[in-house]
Protein backbone atom coordinates (compact mmCIF):
# COMPACT_ATOMS: atom_id res chain seq x y z
CA UNK A 1 -24.45 -6.76 -3.56
CA UNK A 2 -22.23 -9.68 -2.51
CA UNK A 3 -22.43 -11.18 -5.99
CA UNK A 4 -21.50 -7.79 -7.51
CA UNK A 5 -18.43 -7.51 -5.28
CA UNK A 6 -17.43 -11.07 -6.11
CA UNK A 7 -17.73 -10.30 -9.82
CA UNK A 8 -15.60 -7.14 -9.35
CA UNK A 9 -12.95 -9.26 -7.63
CA UNK A 10 -12.95 -11.81 -10.47
CA UNK A 11 -12.69 -9.05 -13.11
CA UNK A 12 -9.75 -7.40 -11.32
CA UNK A 13 -7.92 -10.72 -10.93
CA UNK A 14 -8.48 -11.58 -14.59
CA UNK A 15 -7.26 -8.13 -15.70
CA UNK A 16 -4.12 -8.40 -13.59
CA UNK A 17 -3.46 -11.99 -14.62
CA UNK A 18 -3.94 -11.09 -18.31
CA UNK A 19 -0.72 -9.05 -18.15
CA UNK A 20 1.18 -11.73 -16.26
CA UNK A 21 2.21 -13.90 -19.22
CA UNK A 22 5.43 -12.00 -20.13
CA UNK A 23 6.59 -12.25 -16.50
CA UNK A 24 5.61 -15.91 -16.03
CA UNK A 25 9.20 -17.22 -15.99
CA UNK A 26 10.61 -14.52 -13.74
CA UNK A 27 8.03 -13.60 -11.13
CA UNK A 28 5.59 -15.72 -9.11
CA UNK A 29 1.94 -14.75 -9.64
CA UNK A 30 1.53 -13.54 -6.06
CA UNK A 31 4.44 -11.11 -6.35
CA UNK A 32 3.17 -9.91 -9.72
CA UNK A 33 -0.31 -9.31 -8.29
CA UNK A 34 1.23 -7.53 -5.31
CA UNK A 35 3.19 -5.24 -7.60
CA UNK A 36 0.27 -4.46 -9.87
CA UNK A 37 -2.30 -3.87 -7.12
CA UNK A 38 0.20 -1.97 -4.97
CA UNK A 39 1.24 0.15 -7.93
CA UNK A 40 -2.38 0.84 -8.86
CA UNK A 41 -3.19 1.80 -5.28
CA UNK A 42 -0.14 4.08 -5.18
CA UNK A 43 -1.28 5.83 -8.38
CA UNK A 44 -4.77 6.15 -6.90
CA UNK A 45 -3.21 7.67 -3.77
CA UNK A 46 -1.23 10.22 -5.80
CA UNK A 47 -4.29 11.14 -7.88
CA UNK A 48 -6.49 11.61 -4.81
CA UNK A 49 -3.75 13.58 -3.06
CA UNK A 50 -3.48 15.90 -6.08
CA UNK A 51 -7.25 16.41 -6.23
CA UNK A 52 -7.59 17.10 -2.52
CA UNK A 53 -4.50 19.31 -2.30
CA UNK A 54 -5.10 21.29 -5.48
CA UNK A 55 -8.89 21.52 -5.81
CA UNK A 56 -10.67 20.63 -2.58
CA UNK A 57 -8.26 22.29 -0.14
CA UNK A 58 -7.25 24.79 -2.84
CA UNK A 59 -3.70 24.71 -1.45
CA UNK A 60 -4.94 26.55 1.63
CA UNK A 61 -4.35 25.85 5.31
CA UNK A 62 -7.15 23.78 6.80
CA UNK A 63 -8.25 25.66 9.92
CA UNK A 64 -10.30 23.44 12.21
CA UNK A 65 -10.60 26.09 14.92
CA UNK A 66 -8.47 24.26 17.47
CA UNK A 67 -5.66 23.44 15.03
CA UNK A 68 -4.47 24.64 11.64
CA UNK A 69 -3.11 21.99 9.27
CA UNK A 70 -0.90 22.80 6.30
CA UNK A 71 -2.54 21.82 2.98
CA UNK A 72 -0.01 19.15 2.05
CA UNK A 73 -0.41 17.42 5.42
CA UNK A 74 -4.20 17.86 5.40
CA UNK A 75 -4.40 16.24 1.97
CA UNK A 76 -2.30 13.31 3.24
CA UNK A 77 -4.51 12.92 6.33
CA UNK A 78 -7.67 12.92 4.21
CA UNK A 79 -6.40 10.56 1.52
CA UNK A 80 -4.56 8.07 3.74
CA UNK A 81 -7.66 6.33 5.18
CA UNK A 82 -9.13 5.93 1.69
CA UNK A 83 -6.07 4.33 0.15
CA UNK A 84 -5.42 2.33 3.32
CA UNK A 85 -8.82 0.68 2.81
CA UNK A 86 -8.40 0.17 -0.95
CA UNK A 87 -4.91 -1.28 -0.36
CA UNK A 88 -6.26 -3.69 2.24
CA UNK A 89 -9.12 -4.79 -0.01
CA UNK A 90 -6.81 -5.38 -2.96
CA UNK A 91 -4.32 -7.28 -0.79
CA UNK A 92 -7.02 -9.42 0.82
CA UNK A 93 -9.15 -10.21 -2.22
CA UNK A 94 -6.68 -10.08 -5.13
CA UNK A 95 -3.12 -10.72 -3.92
CA UNK A 96 -3.19 -12.83 -0.75
CA UNK A 97 -6.36 -14.81 -1.36
CA UNK A 98 -5.17 -18.02 0.33
CA UNK A 99 -5.00 -16.56 3.85
CA UNK A 100 -7.30 -18.24 6.32
CA UNK A 101 -7.02 -15.57 9.02
CA UNK A 102 -10.18 -13.73 10.00
CA UNK A 103 -10.70 -10.41 8.23
CA UNK A 104 -10.44 -8.40 11.49
CA UNK A 105 -7.09 -9.99 12.28
CA UNK A 106 -5.87 -9.30 8.75
CA UNK A 107 -6.98 -5.67 9.01
CA UNK A 108 -5.22 -5.08 12.32
CA UNK A 109 -2.06 -6.76 11.10
CA UNK A 110 -2.23 -4.85 7.81
CA UNK A 111 -2.50 -1.62 9.82
CA UNK A 112 0.56 -2.57 11.84
CA UNK A 113 2.59 -3.26 8.69
CA UNK A 114 1.48 0.02 7.12
CA UNK A 115 2.48 1.97 10.25
CA UNK A 116 5.84 0.18 10.24
CA UNK A 117 6.28 1.07 6.55
CA UNK A 118 5.58 4.75 7.31
CA UNK A 119 8.13 4.67 10.14
CA UNK A 120 10.69 2.91 7.93
CA UNK A 121 10.20 5.55 5.22
CA UNK A 122 10.93 8.26 7.76
CA UNK A 123 13.92 6.48 9.32
CA UNK A 124 15.58 5.54 6.02
CA UNK A 125 15.02 8.97 4.46
CA UNK A 126 16.55 10.63 7.51
CA UNK A 127 19.45 8.19 7.46
CA UNK A 128 20.24 8.37 3.74
CA UNK A 129 19.81 12.14 3.37
CA UNK A 130 21.05 13.49 6.69
CA UNK A 131 23.67 10.93 7.73
CA UNK A 132 24.88 9.45 4.47
CA UNK A 133 24.59 12.70 2.49
CA UNK A 134 22.73 11.13 -0.46
CA UNK A 135 20.46 13.20 -2.70
CA UNK A 136 16.84 13.16 -1.53
CA UNK A 137 15.43 11.60 -4.71
CA UNK A 138 18.06 8.85 -4.76
CA UNK A 139 17.39 8.27 -1.06
CA UNK A 140 13.66 8.00 -1.73
CA UNK A 141 14.30 5.42 -4.47
CA UNK A 142 16.47 3.26 -2.18
CA UNK A 143 13.98 3.66 0.65
CA UNK A 144 11.07 2.65 -1.58
CA UNK A 145 12.84 -0.56 -2.63
CA UNK A 146 13.54 -1.47 1.00
CA UNK A 147 10.05 -0.61 2.23
CA UNK A 148 8.27 -2.42 -0.63
CA UNK A 149 10.32 -5.54 0.16
CA UNK A 150 9.49 -5.22 3.86
CA UNK A 151 5.81 -4.63 3.08
CA UNK A 152 5.52 -7.66 0.83
CA UNK A 153 7.25 -9.99 3.27
CA UNK A 154 5.35 -8.71 6.31
CA UNK A 155 2.00 -8.90 4.53
CA UNK A 156 2.69 -12.38 3.17
CA UNK A 157 4.05 -13.82 6.41
CA UNK A 158 2.14 -11.77 8.98
CA UNK A 159 -0.93 -9.87 7.76
CA UNK A 160 -2.20 -12.51 5.34
CA UNK A 161 -0.40 -15.58 6.65
CA UNK A 162 -1.57 -18.91 5.28
CA UNK A 163 -1.66 -22.31 6.90
CA UNK A 164 0.97 -23.52 4.40
CA UNK A 165 3.38 -20.84 5.52
CA UNK A 166 2.70 -21.69 9.16
CA UNK A 167 3.44 -25.38 8.55
CA UNK A 168 6.84 -24.54 7.07
CA UNK A 169 8.05 -23.27 10.45
């Protein structure tokens, strides 16, 4: 099983790196891998969300007896742990492969950065839409740029910190 997973990792890295050549001059490989794996995980998240919301929950309220959850929130709550794990695996084994931190530490730190990203999404959307008066879609675009930048930097320098980065300080 371990050999199979290692081979999967190698195949994914080779597939991502195959498309890197046109960006070679402009983007470091780590940022390119981050963008590709993050983008793929985001598409996976949207696909799973659609399937759960539309077909599994059938757009109906999820009644657990002690609480009723609206279908769009229930779909998010079901899908989030799945894409949290796939995002962590891609970050650990494809993007930030040089980190020497223990896997448990990486996972906890990754969880912290994801929670911060969720909070930043909320805060910036509230700020841009309600206080600045921007259109919601434009606000979401600005917010996404800010949060992706935060996520990359926090994962590179915190969640998956390397000894080389530590020595620079």
